[in-house]
């Protein structure tokens, strides 16, 4: 299979001789294209490999590039496929710590005065150390009695992930379908949907009685398997082939969909996700996905203005 390697980081011109030497040691030939411009605060160089990757060599090459990324603090992202923006496509996203810079469950726990207690469990679940579904039910039960009036102020203080506006403007410009697949809550996911024009939302519904959270949820929990299934169902619903799908997330409960999509981006991901996901992206925000789709900074600026 043919492939590309995208480098995203600082001072790539200085790093280029070292990386070229590494390619030589791997018996890989490549031509590179600079996708960033002088206005960017980071560099993006794409290497298109002319040497096919032999069957069985993909995993070892991906892990070698991940080790280089850890050593250099430069993203080394290996792709063996690239969806085409010019054709119909589907992009699905986790919400917490992916589209927003927060874990909503933790923020609600702060309102209950038990923020540290719940955030430790959340972090463990996202690292894949404990079962997500069980931890979700346990953490949610601790929110029993919290007034639903706090949810608006919680949303107002949450910061969006860097690059979300640029990414969504480009995806919508090309008419792509987009969905939030969140282990968080519908109230917050629907607010993000409205703010950035996502096509649809699938998240967990909070049970609220007389203006108070009961500590329970309504309907099926959006866990790893549910996200994987939704990716498949949405691709069928919108008649989008899997070759035209993107999935993006940061936690262990995103791994199944990341590995199923044609472009699976692990954004600022937990260690286990960086190790197992196809495309770990750490040096930029969500706008970094656009470089993995082959766009240059100049092309992105032309689209978003």
C-alpha atoms as a PDB file:
ATOM      1  CA  UNK A   1       0.000   0.000   0.000  1.00  0.00           C
ATOM      2  CA  UNK A   2       1.156   3.579  -0.611  1.00  0.00           C
ATOM      3  CA  UNK A   3       1.157   6.057   2.242  1.00  0.00           C
ATOM      4  CA  UNK A   4       2.061   9.505   3.479  1.00  0.00           C
ATOM      5  CA  UNK A   5       3.683  10.873   6.619  1.00  0.00           C
ATOM      6  CA  UNK A   6       2.707  14.334   7.880  1.00  0.00           C
ATOM      7  CA  UNK A   7       5.026  16.191  10.229  1.00  0.00           C
ATOM      8  CA  UNK A   8       3.517  18.948  12.373  1.00  0.00           C
ATOM      9  CA  UNK A   9       5.696  20.907  14.771  1.00  0.00           C
ATOM     10  CA  UNK A  10       8.297  23.620  15.189  1.00  0.00           C
ATOM     11  CA  UNK A  11      11.412  24.251  13.095  1.00  0.00           C
ATOM     12  CA  UNK A  12      10.852  21.452  10.623  1.00  0.00           C
ATOM     13  CA  UNK A  13      13.473  22.866   8.258  1.00  0.00           C
ATOM     14  CA  UNK A  14      16.112  22.112  10.899  1.00  0.00           C
ATOM     15  CA  UNK A  15      14.675  18.658  11.534  1.00  0.00           C
ATOM     16  CA  UNK A  16      14.340  17.734   7.860  1.00  0.00           C
ATOM     17  CA  UNK A  17      17.884  16.305   7.373  1.00  0.00           C
ATOM     18  CA  UNK A  18      17.443  14.022  10.376  1.00  0.00           C
ATOM     19  CA  UNK A  19      14.081  12.799   9.175  1.00  0.00           C
ATOM     20  CA  UNK A  20      15.372  12.285   5.655  1.00  0.00           C
ATOM     21  CA  UNK A  21      18.195  10.184   7.081  1.00  0.00           C
ATOM     22  CA  UNK A  22      15.656   8.155   9.056  1.00  0.00           C
ATOM     23  CA  UNK A  23      13.634   7.530   5.899  1.00  0.00           C
ATOM     24  CA  UNK A  24      16.782   6.244   4.252  1.00  0.00           C
ATOM     25  CA  UNK A  25      17.415   3.799   7.078  1.00  0.00           C
ATOM     26  CA  UNK A  26      13.857   2.519   6.557  1.00  0.00           C
ATOM     27  CA  UNK A  27      14.432   2.156   2.794  1.00  0.00           C
ATOM     28  CA  UNK A  28      11.617   4.632   2.140  1.00  0.00           C
ATOM     29  CA  UNK A  29      11.631   7.109  -0.724  1.00  0.00           C
ATOM     30  CA  UNK A  30       9.431  10.199  -0.461  1.00  0.00           C
ATOM     31  CA  UNK A  31       8.795  13.649  -1.841  1.00  0.00           C
ATOM     32  CA  UNK A  32       7.709  16.364   0.545  1.00  0.00           C
ATOM     33  CA  UNK A  33       5.343  19.315   0.288  1.00  0.00           C
ATOM     34  CA  UNK A  34       5.171  22.252   2.711  1.00  0.00           C
ATOM     35  CA  UNK A  35       1.536  22.825   3.680  1.00  0.00           C
ATOM     36  CA  UNK A  36       1.996  25.622   6.221  1.00  0.00           C
ATOM     37  CA  UNK A  37       2.814  29.249   5.486  1.00  0.00           C
ATOM     38  CA  UNK A  38       4.744  32.059   7.179  1.00  0.00           C
ATOM     39  CA  UNK A  39       1.703  33.190   9.157  1.00  0.00           C
ATOM     40  CA  UNK A  40       1.415  29.849  10.952  1.00  0.00           C
ATOM     41  CA  UNK A  41       2.849  29.329  14.427  1.00  0.00           C
ATOM     42  CA  UNK A  42       3.824  25.756  13.487  1.00  0.00           C
ATOM     43  CA  UNK A  43       5.172  23.958  10.426  1.00  0.00           C
ATOM     44  CA  UNK A  44       3.399  21.254   8.415  1.00  0.00           C
ATOM     45  CA  UNK A  45       5.323  19.101   5.951  1.00  0.00           C
ATOM     46  CA  UNK A  46       3.759  16.185   4.114  1.00  0.00           C
ATOM     47  CA  UNK A  47       5.892  13.332   2.797  1.00  0.00           C
ATOM     48  CA  UNK A  48       4.299  11.202   0.074  1.00  0.00           C
ATOM     49  CA  UNK A  49       5.961   7.810   0.030  1.00  0.00           C
ATOM     50  CA  UNK A  50       6.785   6.301  -3.336  1.00  0.00           C
ATOM     51  CA  UNK A  51       7.863   3.091  -1.628  1.00  0.00           C
ATOM     52  CA  UNK A  52       4.907   0.786  -0.928  1.00  0.00           C
ATOM     53  CA  UNK A  53       4.504  -0.406   2.654  1.00  0.00           C
ATOM     54  CA  UNK A  54       4.748  -4.174   2.680  1.00  0.00           C
ATOM     55  CA  UNK A  55       1.982  -6.212   4.297  1.00  0.00           C
ATOM     56  CA  UNK A  56       2.707  -6.600   7.985  1.00  0.00           C
ATOM     57  CA  UNK A  57       5.032  -3.568   8.141  1.00  0.00           C
ATOM     58  CA  UNK A  58       2.379  -0.944   8.871  1.00  0.00           C
ATOM     59  CA  UNK A  59       2.211  -1.448  12.649  1.00  0.00           C
ATOM     60  CA  UNK A  60       5.975  -1.433  13.144  1.00  0.00           C
ATOM     61  CA  UNK A  61       6.312   1.725  11.027  1.00  0.00           C
ATOM     62  CA  UNK A  62       3.492   3.464  12.894  1.00  0.00           C
ATOM     63  CA  UNK A  63       5.068   2.662  16.267  1.00  0.00           C
ATOM     64  CA  UNK A  64       8.496   3.807  15.068  1.00  0.00           C
ATOM     65  CA  UNK A  65       6.993   7.121  14.004  1.00  0.00           C
ATOM     66  CA  UNK A  66       5.227   7.429  17.354  1.00  0.00           C
ATOM     67  CA  UNK A  67       8.568   6.959  19.097  1.00  0.00           C
ATOM     68  CA  UNK A  68      10.048   9.706  16.922  1.00  0.00           C
ATOM     69  CA  UNK A  69       7.119  11.950  17.849  1.00  0.00           C
ATOM     70  CA  UNK A  70       7.737  11.339  21.549  1.00  0.00           C
ATOM     71  CA  UNK A  71      11.453  12.070  21.165  1.00  0.00           C
ATOM     72  CA  UNK A  72      11.139  15.202  19.038  1.00  0.00           C
ATOM     73  CA  UNK A  73       7.788  16.650  20.190  1.00  0.00           C
ATOM     74  CA  UNK A  74       6.852  16.745  16.494  1.00  0.00           C
ATOM     75  CA  UNK A  75       3.787  14.874  15.233  1.00  0.00           C
ATOM     76  CA  UNK A  76       4.741  12.095  12.780  1.00  0.00           C
ATOM     77  CA  UNK A  77       1.397  10.954  11.377  1.00  0.00           C
ATOM     78  CA  UNK A  78       1.263   7.934   9.076  1.00  0.00           C
ATOM     79  CA  UNK A  79      -1.695   7.626   6.720  1.00  0.00           C
ATOM     80  CA  UNK A  80      -2.496   4.806   4.354  1.00  0.00           C
ATOM     81  CA  UNK A  81      -5.720   6.415   3.176  1.00  0.00           C
ATOM     82  CA  UNK A  82      -7.040   9.943   2.739  1.00  0.00           C
ATOM     83  CA  UNK A  83     -10.704  10.858   2.366  1.00  0.00           C
ATOM     84  CA  UNK A  84     -11.390  13.370  -0.395  1.00  0.00           C
ATOM     85  CA  UNK A  85     -13.046  16.597   0.712  1.00  0.00           C
ATOM     86  CA  UNK A  86     -14.392  17.113  -2.800  1.00  0.00           C
ATOM     87  CA  UNK A  87     -16.568  13.993  -2.429  1.00  0.00           C
ATOM     88  CA  UNK A  88     -19.423  13.370   0.054  1.00  0.00           C
ATOM     89  CA  UNK A  89     -18.117  12.390   3.459  1.00  0.00           C
ATOM     90  CA  UNK A  90     -18.930  11.834   7.117  1.00  0.00           C
ATOM     91  CA  UNK A  91     -16.954  13.083  10.130  1.00  0.00           C
ATOM     92  CA  UNK A  92     -17.828  11.995  13.676  1.00  0.00           C
ATOM     93  CA  UNK A  93     -16.408  13.425  16.878  1.00  0.00           C
ATOM     94  CA  UNK A  94     -16.215  12.720  20.554  1.00  0.00           C
ATOM     95  CA  UNK A  95     -17.122  15.861  22.510  1.00  0.00           C
ATOM     96  CA  UNK A  96     -15.433  16.030  25.922  1.00  0.00           C
ATOM     97  CA  UNK A  97     -11.745  16.984  25.612  1.00  0.00           C
ATOM     98  CA  UNK A  98     -12.131  16.768  21.817  1.00  0.00           C
ATOM     99  CA  UNK A  99     -14.602  19.448  20.724  1.00  0.00           C
ATOM    100  CA  UNK A 100     -14.453  21.198  24.097  1.00  0.00           C
ATOM    101  CA  UNK A 101     -11.653  21.618  26.636  1.00  0.00           C
ATOM    102  CA  UNK A 102     -13.459  19.928  29.477  1.00  0.00           C
ATOM    103  CA  UNK A 103     -15.094  16.763  30.734  1.00  0.00           C
ATOM    104  CA  UNK A 104     -18.707  17.785  31.350  1.00  0.00           C
ATOM    105  CA  UNK A 105     -19.254  15.199  34.075  1.00  0.00           C
ATOM    106  CA  UNK A 106     -16.333  16.709  35.986  1.00  0.00           C
ATOM    107  CA  UNK A 107     -17.690  20.236  35.558  1.00  0.00           C
ATOM    108  CA  UNK A 108     -21.083  19.203  36.921  1.00  0.00           C
ATOM    109  CA  UNK A 109     -19.324  17.492  39.816  1.00  0.00           C
ATOM    110  CA  UNK A 110     -17.661  20.800  40.683  1.00  0.00           C
ATOM    111  CA  UNK A 111     -21.155  22.246  41.134  1.00  0.00           C
ATOM    112  CA  UNK A 112     -21.860  19.427  43.599  1.00  0.00           C
ATOM    113  CA  UNK A 113     -18.619  20.065  45.471  1.00  0.00           C
ATOM    114  CA  UNK A 114     -17.184  16.667  44.520  1.00  0.00           C
ATOM    115  CA  UNK A 115     -15.077  17.694  41.529  1.00  0.00           C
ATOM    116  CA  UNK A 116     -11.814  16.020  42.535  1.00  0.00           C
ATOM    117  CA  UNK A 117     -13.573  12.790  43.482  1.00  0.00           C
ATOM    118  CA  UNK A 118     -15.230  12.384  40.086  1.00  0.00           C
ATOM    119  CA  UNK A 119     -12.424  13.779  37.911  1.00  0.00           C
ATOM    120  CA  UNK A 120     -10.036  11.088  39.141  1.00  0.00           C
ATOM    121  CA  UNK A 121     -12.485   8.377  38.085  1.00  0.00           C
ATOM    122  CA  UNK A 122     -13.114  10.099  34.744  1.00  0.00           C
ATOM    123  CA  UNK A 123      -9.405  10.243  33.983  1.00  0.00           C
ATOM    124  CA  UNK A 124      -9.006   6.569  34.822  1.00  0.00           C
ATOM    125  CA  UNK A 125     -11.892   5.640  32.514  1.00  0.00           C
ATOM    126  CA  UNK A 126     -10.486   7.718  29.646  1.00  0.00           C
ATOM    127  CA  UNK A 127      -7.123   5.984  30.082  1.00  0.00           C
ATOM    128  CA  UNK A 128      -8.887   2.647  29.704  1.00  0.00           C
ATOM    129  CA  UNK A 129      -8.028   1.519  33.228  1.00  0.00           C
ATOM    130  CA  UNK A 130     -11.635   0.912  34.295  1.00  0.00           C
ATOM    131  CA  UNK A 131     -14.832   0.114  32.422  1.00  0.00           C
ATOM    132  CA  UNK A 132     -16.383   3.253  30.936  1.00  0.00           C
ATOM    133  CA  UNK A 133     -20.018   2.201  31.286  1.00  0.00           C
ATOM    134  CA  UNK A 134     -19.709   1.161  34.922  1.00  0.00           C
ATOM    135  CA  UNK A 135     -17.808   4.300  35.826  1.00  0.00           C
ATOM    136  CA  UNK A 136     -20.343   6.433  33.963  1.00  0.00           C
ATOM    137  CA  UNK A 137     -23.246   5.030  35.978  1.00  0.00           C
ATOM    138  CA  UNK A 138     -21.351   5.379  39.247  1.00  0.00           C
ATOM    139  CA  UNK A 139     -20.235   8.962  38.594  1.00  0.00           C
ATOM    140  CA  UNK A 140     -23.651  10.030  37.385  1.00  0.00           C
ATOM    141  CA  UNK A 141     -25.325   8.660  40.503  1.00  0.00           C
ATOM    142  CA  UNK A 142     -23.287  11.106  42.575  1.00  0.00           C
ATOM    143  CA  UNK A 143     -24.967  14.005  40.772  1.00  0.00           C
ATOM    144  CA  UNK A 144     -28.362  13.116  42.224  1.00  0.00           C
ATOM    145  CA  UNK A 145     -29.971  16.297  43.549  1.00  0.00           C
ATOM    146  CA  UNK A 146     -28.032  18.778  41.425  1.00  0.00           C
ATOM    147  CA  UNK A 147     -30.195  21.598  40.037  1.00  0.00           C
ATOM    148  CA  UNK A 148     -30.467  21.579  36.258  1.00  0.00           C
ATOM    149  CA  UNK A 149     -30.267  25.389  36.402  1.00  0.00           C
ATOM    150  CA  UNK A 150     -26.478  25.156  36.643  1.00  0.00           C
ATOM    151  CA  UNK A 151     -26.062  23.597  33.193  1.00  0.00           C
ATOM    152  CA  UNK A 152     -26.161  26.858  31.260  1.00  0.00           C
ATOM    153  CA  UNK A 153     -23.473  28.489  33.392  1.00  0.00           C
ATOM    154  CA  UNK A 154     -21.367  25.327  33.158  1.00  0.00           C
ATOM    155  CA  UNK A 155     -21.566  25.442  29.370  1.00  0.00           C
ATOM    156  CA  UNK A 156     -20.736  29.149  29.311  1.00  0.00           C
ATOM    157  CA  UNK A 157     -17.445  28.599  31.139  1.00  0.00           C
ATOM    158  CA  UNK A 158     -16.298  25.674  28.991  1.00  0.00           C
ATOM    159  CA  UNK A 159     -13.803  26.640  26.294  1.00  0.00           C
ATOM    160  CA  UNK A 160     -14.095  25.241  22.772  1.00  0.00           C
ATOM    161  CA  UNK A 161     -11.204  23.203  21.431  1.00  0.00           C
ATOM    162  CA  UNK A 162      -8.714  25.163  19.342  1.00  0.00           C
ATOM    163  CA  UNK A 163      -9.475  24.974  15.647  1.00  0.00           C
ATOM    164  CA  UNK A 164     -13.082  23.807  15.929  1.00  0.00           C
ATOM    165  CA  UNK A 165     -14.526  26.813  14.076  1.00  0.00           C
ATOM    166  CA  UNK A 166     -12.058  26.512  11.194  1.00  0.00           C
ATOM    167  CA  UNK A 167     -12.554  22.765  10.842  1.00  0.00           C
ATOM    168  CA  UNK A 168     -16.343  22.986  10.844  1.00  0.00           C
ATOM    169  CA  UNK A 169     -16.403  25.859   8.351  1.00  0.00           C
ATOM    170  CA  UNK A 170     -14.341  23.789   5.926  1.00  0.00           C
ATOM    171  CA  UNK A 171     -16.324  20.566   6.391  1.00  0.00           C
ATOM    172  CA  UNK A 172     -19.599  22.432   5.952  1.00  0.00           C
ATOM    173  CA  UNK A 173     -18.190  24.278   2.949  1.00  0.00           C
ATOM    174  CA  UNK A 174     -17.697  20.920   1.251  1.00  0.00           C
ATOM    175  CA  UNK A 175     -21.126  19.662   2.342  1.00  0.00           C
ATOM    176  CA  UNK A 176     -19.879  16.909   4.621  1.00  0.00           C
ATOM    177  CA  UNK A 177     -22.151  15.317   7.198  1.00  0.00           C
ATOM    178  CA  UNK A 178     -20.927  15.730  10.773  1.00  0.00           C
ATOM    179  CA  UNK A 179     -22.010  14.140  14.027  1.00  0.00           C
ATOM    180  CA  UNK A 180     -21.166  14.407  17.708  1.00  0.00           C
ATOM    181  CA  UNK A 181     -20.926  10.941  19.292  1.00  0.00           C
ATOM    182  CA  UNK A 182     -20.494  11.719  22.950  1.00  0.00           C
ATOM    183  CA  UNK A 183     -20.283   9.811  26.181  1.00  0.00           C
ATOM    184  CA  UNK A 184     -21.277  13.151  27.701  1.00  0.00           C
ATOM    185  CA  UNK A 185     -24.727  14.697  27.781  1.00  0.00           C
ATOM    186  CA  UNK A 186     -27.196  15.813  25.123  1.00  0.00           C
ATOM    187  CA  UNK A 187     -27.727  19.265  26.670  1.00  0.00           C
ATOM    188  CA  UNK A 188     -24.087  20.198  26.086  1.00  0.00           C
ATOM    189  CA  UNK A 189     -23.679  18.321  22.796  1.00  0.00           C
ATOM    190  CA  UNK A 190     -26.705  20.103  21.349  1.00  0.00           C
ATOM    191  CA  UNK A 191     -25.258  23.458  22.386  1.00  0.00           C
ATOM    192  CA  UNK A 192     -22.027  22.609  20.557  1.00  0.00           C
ATOM    193  CA  UNK A 193     -24.099  21.445  17.580  1.00  0.00           C
ATOM    194  CA  UNK A 194     -25.889  24.804  17.432  1.00  0.00           C
ATOM    195  CA  UNK A 195     -22.714  26.841  17.857  1.00  0.00           C
ATOM    196  CA  UNK A 196     -20.744  25.057  15.112  1.00  0.00           C
ATOM    197  CA  UNK A 197     -23.417  23.651  12.788  1.00  0.00           C
ATOM    198  CA  UNK A 198     -23.058  19.885  13.223  1.00  0.00           C
ATOM    199  CA  UNK A 199     -25.521  17.717  11.338  1.00  0.00           C
ATOM    200  CA  UNK A 200     -26.646  15.626  14.307  1.00  0.00           C
ATOM    201  CA  UNK A 201     -25.934  14.566  17.894  1.00  0.00           C
ATOM    202  CA  UNK A 202     -25.862  11.266  19.752  1.00  0.00           C
ATOM    203  CA  UNK A 203     -25.157  11.587  23.479  1.00  0.00           C
ATOM    204  CA  UNK A 204     -26.523  10.574  26.872  1.00  0.00           C
ATOM    205  CA  UNK A 205     -29.773  12.108  28.085  1.00  0.00           C
ATOM    206  CA  UNK A 206     -29.906  13.176  31.725  1.00  0.00           C
ATOM    207  CA  UNK A 207     -33.009  12.264  33.681  1.00  0.00           C
ATOM    208  CA  UNK A 208     -34.358  15.467  35.226  1.00  0.00           C
ATOM    209  CA  UNK A 209     -37.357  15.648  37.540  1.00  0.00           C
ATOM    210  CA  UNK A 210     -38.742  18.916  38.914  1.00  0.00           C
ATOM    211  CA  UNK A 211     -35.629  20.761  37.747  1.00  0.00           C
ATOM    212  CA  UNK A 212     -33.252  18.396  39.494  1.00  0.00           C
ATOM    213  CA  UNK A 213     -30.876  15.713  38.205  1.00  0.00           C
ATOM    214  CA  UNK A 214     -31.837  12.275  39.472  1.00  0.00           C
ATOM    215  CA  UNK A 215     -28.393  10.750  38.973  1.00  0.00           C
ATOM    216  CA  UNK A 216     -29.784   8.538  36.209  1.00  0.00           C
ATOM    217  CA  UNK A 217     -29.796   8.611  32.406  1.00  0.00           C
ATOM    218  CA  UNK A 218     -32.390   7.885  29.741  1.00  0.00           C
ATOM    219  CA  UNK A 219     -31.807   5.474  26.854  1.00  0.00           C
ATOM    220  CA  UNK A 220     -28.677   3.546  25.872  1.00  0.00           C
ATOM    221  CA  UNK A 221     -25.282   4.774  27.050  1.00  0.00           C
ATOM    222  CA  UNK A 222     -23.066   6.065  24.264  1.00  0.00           C
ATOM    223  CA  UNK A 223     -19.999   3.930  24.976  1.00  0.00           C
ATOM    224  CA  UNK A 224     -17.231   2.622  22.709  1.00  0.00           C
ATOM    225  CA  UNK A 225     -19.376  -0.024  21.005  1.00  0.00           C
ATOM    226  CA  UNK A 226     -22.268   2.414  20.572  1.00  0.00           C
ATOM    227  CA  UNK A 227     -19.945   4.939  18.890  1.00  0.00           C
ATOM    228  CA  UNK A 228     -18.633   2.222  16.588  1.00  0.00           C
ATOM    229  CA  UNK A 229     -22.163   1.191  15.672  1.00  0.00           C
ATOM    230  CA  UNK A 230     -23.275   4.797  15.115  1.00  0.00           C
ATOM    231  CA  UNK A 231     -20.369   5.383  12.723  1.00  0.00           C
ATOM    232  CA  UNK A 232     -21.546   2.414  10.673  1.00  0.00           C
ATOM    233  CA  UNK A 233     -25.223   3.406  10.821  1.00  0.00           C
ATOM    234  CA  UNK A 234     -24.541   7.013   9.854  1.00  0.00           C
ATOM    235  CA  UNK A 235     -22.355   5.994   6.925  1.00  0.00           C
ATOM    236  CA  UNK A 236     -25.233   3.856   5.674  1.00  0.00           C
ATOM    237  CA  UNK A 237     -27.831   6.549   6.401  1.00  0.00           C
ATOM    238  CA  UNK A 238     -25.952   9.163   4.379  1.00  0.00           C
ATOM    239  CA  UNK A 239     -24.677   6.654   1.793  1.00  0.00           C
ATOM    240  CA  UNK A 240     -21.065   7.509   2.543  1.00  0.00           C
ATOM    241  CA  UNK A 241     -18.471   4.770   1.922  1.00  0.00           C
ATOM    242  CA  UNK A 242     -16.098   4.036   4.792  1.00  0.00           C
ATOM    243  CA  UNK A 243     -13.254   5.345   2.628  1.00  0.00           C
ATOM    244  CA  UNK A 244     -14.861   8.767   3.114  1.00  0.00           C
ATOM    245  CA  UNK A 245     -15.155   8.705   6.924  1.00  0.00           C
ATOM    246  CA  UNK A 246     -13.287  10.544   9.668  1.00  0.00           C
ATOM    247  CA  UNK A 247     -13.452   9.837  13.400  1.00  0.00           C
ATOM    248  CA  UNK A 248     -11.807  11.979  16.068  1.00  0.00           C
ATOM    249  CA  UNK A 249     -11.547  11.465  19.818  1.00  0.00           C
ATOM    250  CA  UNK A 250      -9.148  11.355  22.743  1.00  0.00           C
ATOM    251  CA  UNK A 251     -10.219   8.576  25.103  1.00  0.00           C
ATOM    252  CA  UNK A 252     -10.166   4.807  25.293  1.00  0.00           C
ATOM    253  CA  UNK A 253     -13.900   4.742  24.557  1.00  0.00           C
ATOM    254  CA  UNK A 254     -13.120   6.251  21.137  1.00  0.00           C
ATOM    255  CA  UNK A 255     -10.663   3.603  19.960  1.00  0.00           C
ATOM    256  CA  UNK A 256     -13.146   1.369  18.151  1.00  0.00           C
ATOM    257  CA  UNK A 257     -14.457   4.147  15.937  1.00  0.00           C
ATOM    258  CA  UNK A 258     -10.966   5.586  15.409  1.00  0.00           C
ATOM    259  CA  UNK A 259      -9.726   2.281  14.074  1.00  0.00           C
ATOM    260  CA  UNK A 260     -12.802   1.750  11.878  1.00  0.00           C
ATOM    261  CA  UNK A 261     -12.799   5.128  10.107  1.00  0.00           C
ATOM    262  CA  UNK A 262     -10.664   5.799   7.053  1.00  0.00           C
ATOM    263  CA  UNK A 263      -9.005   8.623   9.006  1.00  0.00           C
ATOM    264  CA  UNK A 264      -8.954   8.022  12.756  1.00  0.00           C
ATOM    265  CA  UNK A 265      -7.476  11.015  14.574  1.00  0.00           C
ATOM    266  CA  UNK A 266      -6.531  10.757  18.247  1.00  0.00           C
ATOM    267  CA  UNK A 267      -6.466  14.396  19.359  1.00  0.00           C
ATOM    268  CA  UNK A 268      -4.293  15.219  22.400  1.00  0.00           C
ATOM    269  CA  UNK A 269      -5.019  11.638  23.367  1.00  0.00           C
ATOM    270  CA  UNK A 270      -4.402   9.551  26.449  1.00  0.00           C
ATOM    271  CA  UNK A 271      -1.279   7.306  26.276  1.00  0.00           C
ATOM    272  CA  UNK A 272      -3.140   4.084  25.481  1.00  0.00           C
ATOM    273  CA  UNK A 273      -5.027   5.851  22.690  1.00  0.00           C
ATOM    274  CA  UNK A 274      -1.827   7.313  21.212  1.00  0.00           C
ATOM    275  CA  UNK A 275      -0.380   3.821  21.153  1.00  0.00           C
ATOM    276  CA  UNK A 276      -3.353   2.169  19.470  1.00  0.00           C
ATOM    277  CA  UNK A 277      -5.029   4.814  17.288  1.00  0.00           C
ATOM    278  CA  UNK A 278      -3.993   5.294  13.648  1.00  0.00           C
ATOM    279  CA  UNK A 279      -3.260   9.048  13.631  1.00  0.00           C
ATOM    280  CA  UNK A 280      -2.206  10.665  16.932  1.00  0.00           C
ATOM    281  CA  UNK A 281      -2.319  14.464  16.592  1.00  0.00           C
ATOM    282  CA  UNK A 282      -0.919  16.491  19.480  1.00  0.00           C
ATOM    283  CA  UNK A 283       0.686  19.671  18.129  1.00  0.00           C
ATOM    284  CA  UNK A 284      -2.413  21.476  16.820  1.00  0.00           C
ATOM    285  CA  UNK A 285      -6.100  21.763  17.531  1.00  0.00           C
ATOM    286  CA  UNK A 286      -8.896  20.321  15.425  1.00  0.00           C
ATOM    287  CA  UNK A 287      -7.763  22.345  12.418  1.00  0.00           C
ATOM    288  CA  UNK A 288      -4.830  19.936  12.147  1.00  0.00           C
ATOM    289  CA  UNK A 289      -7.222  17.399  10.633  1.00  0.00           C
ATOM    290  CA  UNK A 290      -7.419  19.583   7.532  1.00  0.00           C
ATOM    291  CA  UNK A 291      -3.726  19.051   6.818  1.00  0.00           C
ATOM    292  CA  UNK A 292      -4.294  15.293   7.013  1.00  0.00           C
ATOM    293  CA  UNK A 293      -6.899  15.814   4.291  1.00  0.00           C
ATOM    294  CA  UNK A 294      -4.245  17.399   2.107  1.00  0.00           C
ATOM    295  CA  UNK A 295      -5.197  21.071   2.461  1.00  0.00           C
ATOM    296  CA  UNK A 296      -2.573  23.779   2.783  1.00  0.00           C
ATOM    297  CA  UNK A 297      -2.828  26.791   5.068  1.00  0.00           C
ATOM    298  CA  UNK A 298      -3.382  29.016   2.040  1.00  0.00           C
ATOM    299  CA  UNK A 299      -6.283  26.825   0.860  1.00  0.00           C
ATOM    300  CA  UNK A 300      -7.811  26.795   4.338  1.00  0.00           C
ATOM    301  CA  UNK A 301      -7.603  30.595   4.555  1.00  0.00           C
ATOM    302  CA  UNK A 302      -9.254  30.949   1.155  1.00  0.00           C
ATOM    303  CA  UNK A 303     -12.224  28.888   2.370  1.00  0.00           C
ATOM    304  CA  UNK A 304     -12.739  30.354   5.843  1.00  0.00           C
ATOM    305  CA  UNK A 305     -11.693  33.917   5.031  1.00  0.00           C
END
